């Protein structure tokens, strides 16, 4: 990192590492778009790639006595800005993919209160994942009044049922309900020809038969997407960017 060019190369490599973390670990497949990660990633990596090298270019002078100190300060400023951006992204990383009646809901780390997390019925659900969302199901309250109260609370800005780990159950407990609402991929051919073609290529590459797959909507921070699931068990396989609630035809 002796000059602006070296600093730029270092910053690009660092930016690529952050991009890989976001794209392949925290926000895989269409979750990157559905969770609204793109804009913040551009900001974080943009600052990383431009701020440090630009400041280095401004102050760099081989005969300057304070050059090492100046470069150290620039590096600290750059790493501080990058670290803050990554921290913000970490707080909003997806931690649970929750199967709820007729859809999946994507839940971020900052949508679950620590006190609520401690109420999860299983120990493995009492920690927020750092390696991508954990797949669970959720059971709505059996009591009608409690269901109404929870709906009103969510409408007023409180946590939705999918954000309350005490209601979590294994996906297998709700898979039959989810599968009853799932649709074949062909239902989306007219409205989403490019997406369905890409999903068929993905299925073919993994030797998956289309008849063994189904589509459910996914509710996320920026709107609705789709989840491709195994028709045999409801397990999510991959997410897509089109609205799973809007097929071409009614079932």
Protein backbone atom coordinates (compact mmCIF):
# COMPACT_ATOMS: atom_id res chain seq x y z
CA UNK A 1 0.00 0.00 0.00
CA UNK A 2 2.80 2.39 -0.93
CA UNK A 3 0.67 4.61 -3.15
CA UNK A 4 -2.90 5.29 -4.27
CA UNK A 5 -2.82 2.43 -6.77
CA UNK A 6 -1.80 -0.14 -4.18
CA UNK A 7 -4.36 1.18 -1.74
CA UNK A 8 -7.05 0.96 -4.43
CA UNK A 9 -6.18 -2.68 -5.17
CA UNK A 10 -6.30 -3.50 -1.45
CA UNK A 11 -9.68 -1.76 -1.14
CA UNK A 12 -11.12 -3.63 -4.12
CA UNK A 13 -10.08 -6.98 -2.62
CA UNK A 14 -11.59 -5.98 0.70
CA UNK A 15 -14.80 -4.89 -1.05
CA UNK A 16 -15.01 -8.21 -2.89
CA UNK A 17 -14.65 -10.08 0.40
CA UNK A 18 -17.51 -8.07 1.90
CA UNK A 19 -19.61 -8.65 -1.23
CA UNK A 20 -19.00 -12.41 -0.98
CA UNK A 21 -20.03 -12.41 2.69
CA UNK A 22 -23.26 -10.56 1.94
CA UNK A 23 -24.18 -12.40 -1.27
CA UNK A 24 -23.33 -16.00 -0.42
CA UNK A 25 -23.70 -16.22 3.36
CA UNK A 26 -26.06 -13.61 4.81
CA UNK A 27 -28.24 -12.87 1.76
CA UNK A 28 -28.11 -15.86 -0.63
CA UNK A 29 -30.03 -16.01 -3.91
CA UNK A 30 -32.91 -13.51 -4.18
CA UNK A 31 -32.72 -12.60 -0.47
CA UNK A 32 -30.08 -10.05 -1.45
CA UNK A 33 -32.75 -8.02 -3.26
CA UNK A 34 -35.75 -8.95 -1.12
CA UNK A 35 -34.02 -7.91 2.11
CA UNK A 36 -32.93 -4.59 0.61
CA UNK A 37 -29.22 -5.35 0.92
CA UNK A 38 -28.17 -3.97 -2.46
CA UNK A 39 -28.30 -0.24 -1.74
CA UNK A 40 -26.42 -0.50 1.55
CA UNK A 41 -23.83 -2.81 0.02
CA UNK A 42 -23.19 -0.30 -2.77
CA UNK A 43 -22.76 2.43 -0.16
CA UNK A 44 -20.47 0.34 2.06
CA UNK A 45 -18.26 -0.96 -0.76
CA UNK A 46 -18.33 2.40 -2.55
CA UNK A 47 -16.97 4.14 0.53
CA UNK A 48 -14.38 1.41 1.01
CA UNK A 49 -13.15 1.54 -2.59
CA UNK A 50 -13.13 5.34 -2.98
CA UNK A 51 -12.53 6.92 0.42
CA UNK A 52 -9.22 5.32 1.35
CA UNK A 53 -7.50 5.44 -2.07
CA UNK A 54 -8.67 9.02 -2.69
CA UNK A 55 -7.31 10.26 0.62
CA UNK A 56 -4.08 8.34 0.03
CA UNK A 57 -3.70 9.96 -3.38
CA UNK A 58 -4.18 13.39 -1.81
CA UNK A 59 -1.62 13.02 0.98
CA UNK A 60 0.92 10.72 -0.67
CA UNK A 61 4.37 12.26 -0.91
CA UNK A 62 7.44 10.00 -0.54
CA UNK A 63 9.51 12.74 1.16
CA UNK A 64 6.81 13.71 3.63
CA UNK A 65 7.98 12.90 7.17
CA UNK A 66 4.50 12.22 8.48
CA UNK A 67 3.51 9.99 5.54
CA UNK A 68 3.38 6.75 7.56
CA UNK A 69 1.24 8.40 10.22
CA UNK A 70 -1.05 9.94 7.58
CA UNK A 71 -1.52 6.59 5.85
CA UNK A 72 -2.22 4.89 9.18
CA UNK A 73 -4.92 7.45 10.01
CA UNK A 74 -6.48 7.03 6.55
CA UNK A 75 -6.51 3.26 6.96
CA UNK A 76 -8.15 3.58 10.38
CA UNK A 77 -10.82 5.91 8.98
CA UNK A 78 -11.46 3.57 6.05
CA UNK A 79 -11.66 0.47 8.21
CA UNK A 80 -13.88 2.26 10.71
CA UNK A 81 -16.33 3.29 7.98
CA UNK A 82 -16.30 -0.21 6.49
CA UNK A 83 -16.70 -1.83 9.90
CA UNK A 84 -19.68 0.36 10.72
CA UNK A 85 -21.34 -0.51 7.42
CA UNK A 86 -20.79 -4.24 7.95
CA UNK A 87 -22.14 -3.91 11.50
CA UNK A 88 -25.32 -2.25 10.20
CA UNK A 89 -25.74 -5.05 7.65
CA UNK A 90 -25.12 -7.65 10.36
CA UNK A 91 -27.95 -6.22 12.45
CA UNK A 92 -30.37 -6.64 9.54
CA UNK A 93 -29.10 -10.02 8.29
CA UNK A 94 -31.79 -12.70 7.75
CA UNK A 95 -31.82 -15.16 10.65
CA UNK A 96 -35.05 -17.12 10.22
CA UNK A 97 -37.12 -18.24 7.24
CA UNK A 98 -40.48 -18.93 8.80
CA UNK A 99 -43.19 -21.08 7.22
CA UNK A 100 -46.52 -19.46 8.10
CA UNK A 101 -49.77 -20.92 6.73
CA UNK A 102 -49.59 -19.91 3.04
CA UNK A 103 -46.14 -18.35 2.73
CA UNK A 104 -42.66 -17.99 4.16
CA UNK A 105 -41.62 -14.87 6.06
CA UNK A 106 -38.04 -13.62 6.18
CA UNK A 107 -37.09 -12.41 9.66
CA UNK A 108 -34.02 -10.25 10.28
CA UNK A 109 -31.85 -10.12 13.39
CA UNK A 110 -33.11 -6.67 14.38
CA UNK A 111 -36.74 -7.81 14.22
CA UNK A 112 -36.42 -10.17 17.19
CA UNK A 113 -36.10 -8.86 20.72
CA UNK A 114 -33.54 -10.75 22.85
CA UNK A 115 -36.18 -11.45 25.51
CA UNK A 116 -38.41 -13.06 22.89
CA UNK A 117 -35.52 -15.06 21.46
CA UNK A 118 -34.95 -16.66 24.86
CA UNK A 119 -38.51 -18.06 24.79
CA UNK A 120 -37.89 -20.29 21.75
CA UNK A 121 -38.83 -23.90 22.56
CA UNK A 122 -35.58 -25.31 21.14
CA UNK A 123 -32.08 -24.34 22.17
CA UNK A 124 -30.87 -24.04 18.56
CA UNK A 125 -33.54 -21.38 17.94
CA UNK A 126 -32.34 -19.21 20.84
CA UNK A 127 -29.37 -17.87 18.90
CA UNK A 128 -29.33 -15.66 15.82
CA UNK A 129 -27.64 -17.40 12.91
CA UNK A 130 -24.50 -15.97 11.29
CA UNK A 131 -24.55 -18.40 8.38
CA UNK A 132 -27.88 -17.70 6.71
CA UNK A 133 -31.51 -18.02 7.78
CA UNK A 134 -32.65 -21.03 9.81
CA UNK A 135 -35.82 -22.65 8.46
CA UNK A 136 -38.66 -23.09 10.96
CA UNK A 137 -42.44 -23.16 11.02
CA UNK A 138 -44.79 -21.09 13.13
CA UNK A 139 -48.10 -21.92 14.73
CA UNK A 140 -50.71 -19.17 15.04
CA UNK A 141 -52.43 -18.99 18.44
CA UNK A 142 -55.26 -21.50 18.80
CA UNK A 143 -57.40 -19.02 20.72
CA UNK A 144 -59.31 -16.66 18.38
CA UNK A 145 -59.06 -13.71 20.76
CA UNK A 146 -55.31 -14.14 21.08
CA UNK A 147 -54.99 -14.30 17.29
CA UNK A 148 -56.94 -11.07 17.00
CA UNK A 149 -54.88 -9.38 19.71
CA UNK A 150 -51.64 -10.40 18.05
CA UNK A 151 -52.85 -9.15 14.66
CA UNK A 152 -53.78 -5.79 16.16
CA UNK A 153 -50.42 -5.57 17.92
CA UNK A 154 -48.58 -6.27 14.67
CA UNK A 155 -50.70 -3.66 12.83
CA UNK A 156 -49.63 -1.09 15.43
CA UNK A 157 -45.94 -1.81 14.90
CA UNK A 158 -45.50 -4.70 17.31
CA UNK A 159 -43.94 -8.06 16.41
CA UNK A 160 -45.73 -10.36 14.00
CA UNK A 161 -46.18 -14.02 14.91
CA UNK A 162 -43.20 -14.95 12.71
CA UNK A 163 -41.04 -12.64 14.86
CA UNK A 164 -41.95 -14.43 18.10
CA UNK A 165 -39.68 -17.45 18.56
CA UNK A 166 -41.94 -18.86 21.30
CA UNK A 167 -44.33 -19.79 18.46
CA UNK A 168 -41.69 -21.60 16.40
CA UNK A 169 -42.16 -25.26 15.53
CA UNK A 170 -40.28 -27.63 13.22
CA UNK A 171 -41.12 -27.02 9.57
CA UNK A 172 -42.52 -30.55 9.33
CA UNK A 173 -45.32 -29.53 11.73
CA UNK A 174 -46.70 -27.02 9.22
CA UNK A 175 -45.53 -28.52 5.92
CA UNK A 176 -48.93 -30.01 5.02
CA UNK A 177 -50.59 -26.60 5.38
CA UNK A 178 -47.88 -24.89 3.36
CA UNK A 179 -48.04 -27.51 0.61
CA UNK A 180 -51.81 -27.09 0.35
CA UNK A 181 -51.19 -23.47 -0.74
CA UNK A 182 -48.18 -24.18 -2.99
CA UNK A 183 -48.41 -23.82 -6.79
CA UNK A 184 -46.56 -25.47 -9.66
CA UNK A 185 -43.86 -23.47 -11.38
CA UNK A 186 -45.87 -23.52 -14.60
CA UNK A 187 -48.46 -21.20 -13.01
CA UNK A 188 -45.94 -18.37 -13.44
CA UNK A 189 -44.85 -19.05 -17.02
CA UNK A 190 -46.80 -16.23 -18.66
CA UNK A 191 -46.06 -13.49 -16.16
CA UNK A 192 -42.47 -14.52 -15.31
CA UNK A 193 -41.03 -16.33 -18.37
CA UNK A 194 -37.41 -15.39 -17.69
CA UNK A 195 -37.58 -16.28 -14.00
CA UNK A 196 -39.25 -19.65 -14.61
CA UNK A 197 -36.80 -20.47 -17.40
CA UNK A 198 -33.89 -19.70 -15.06
CA UNK A 199 -35.41 -21.85 -12.33
CA UNK A 200 -35.85 -24.74 -14.75
CA UNK A 201 -32.18 -24.46 -15.71
CA UNK A 202 -31.30 -24.48 -12.01
CA UNK A 203 -33.49 -27.56 -11.45
CA UNK A 204 -31.99 -29.35 -14.43
CA UNK A 205 -28.45 -28.63 -13.25
CA UNK A 206 -29.29 -30.32 -9.95
CA UNK A 207 -31.12 -33.26 -11.59
CA UNK A 208 -34.39 -32.15 -9.99
CA UNK A 209 -37.68 -33.01 -11.64
CA UNK A 210 -40.03 -30.04 -11.95
CA UNK A 211 -42.94 -32.14 -10.71
CA UNK A 212 -41.11 -32.52 -7.39
CA UNK A 213 -40.99 -28.74 -6.91
CA UNK A 214 -43.57 -26.14 -5.92
CA UNK A 215 -43.71 -22.39 -5.35
CA UNK A 216 -44.74 -20.41 -2.28
CA UNK A 217 -44.60 -16.66 -1.68
CA UNK A 218 -42.03 -15.12 0.64
CA UNK A 219 -42.67 -11.92 2.56
CA UNK A 220 -39.55 -9.82 3.07
CA UNK A 221 -38.48 -6.30 3.95
CA UNK A 222 -38.99 -4.85 0.47
CA UNK A 223 -42.11 -6.80 -0.55
CA UNK A 224 -42.86 -10.27 -1.81
CA UNK A 225 -40.76 -12.85 -3.63
CA UNK A 226 -41.02 -16.60 -4.17
CA UNK A 227 -39.54 -19.72 -2.63
CA UNK A 228 -39.03 -22.95 -4.53
CA UNK A 229 -39.72 -25.85 -2.18
CA UNK A 230 -39.61 -29.63 -2.27
CA UNK A 231 -43.15 -30.87 -2.81
CA UNK A 232 -42.48 -33.91 -0.65
CA UNK A 233 -41.67 -32.02 2.56
CA UNK A 234 -41.95 -28.26 2.02
CA UNK A 235 -38.22 -27.66 2.47
CA UNK A 236 -37.07 -24.38 0.83
CA UNK A 237 -34.46 -24.85 -1.87
CA UNK A 238 -33.95 -21.46 -3.52
CA UNK A 239 -35.56 -18.02 -3.55
CA UNK A 240 -36.61 -15.97 -6.58
CA UNK A 241 -37.43 -12.31 -7.11
CA UNK A 242 -40.95 -12.57 -8.56
CA UNK A 243 -44.11 -12.23 -6.46
CA UNK A 244 -45.26 -15.69 -5.44
CA UNK A 245 -48.73 -14.34 -4.66
CA UNK A 246 -49.35 -13.43 -8.32
CA UNK A 247 -49.50 -16.52 -10.55
CA UNK A 248 -50.97 -16.55 -14.06
CA UNK A 249 -53.99 -18.60 -13.07
CA UNK A 250 -56.06 -19.60 -10.13
CA UNK A 251 -55.62 -23.15 -8.82
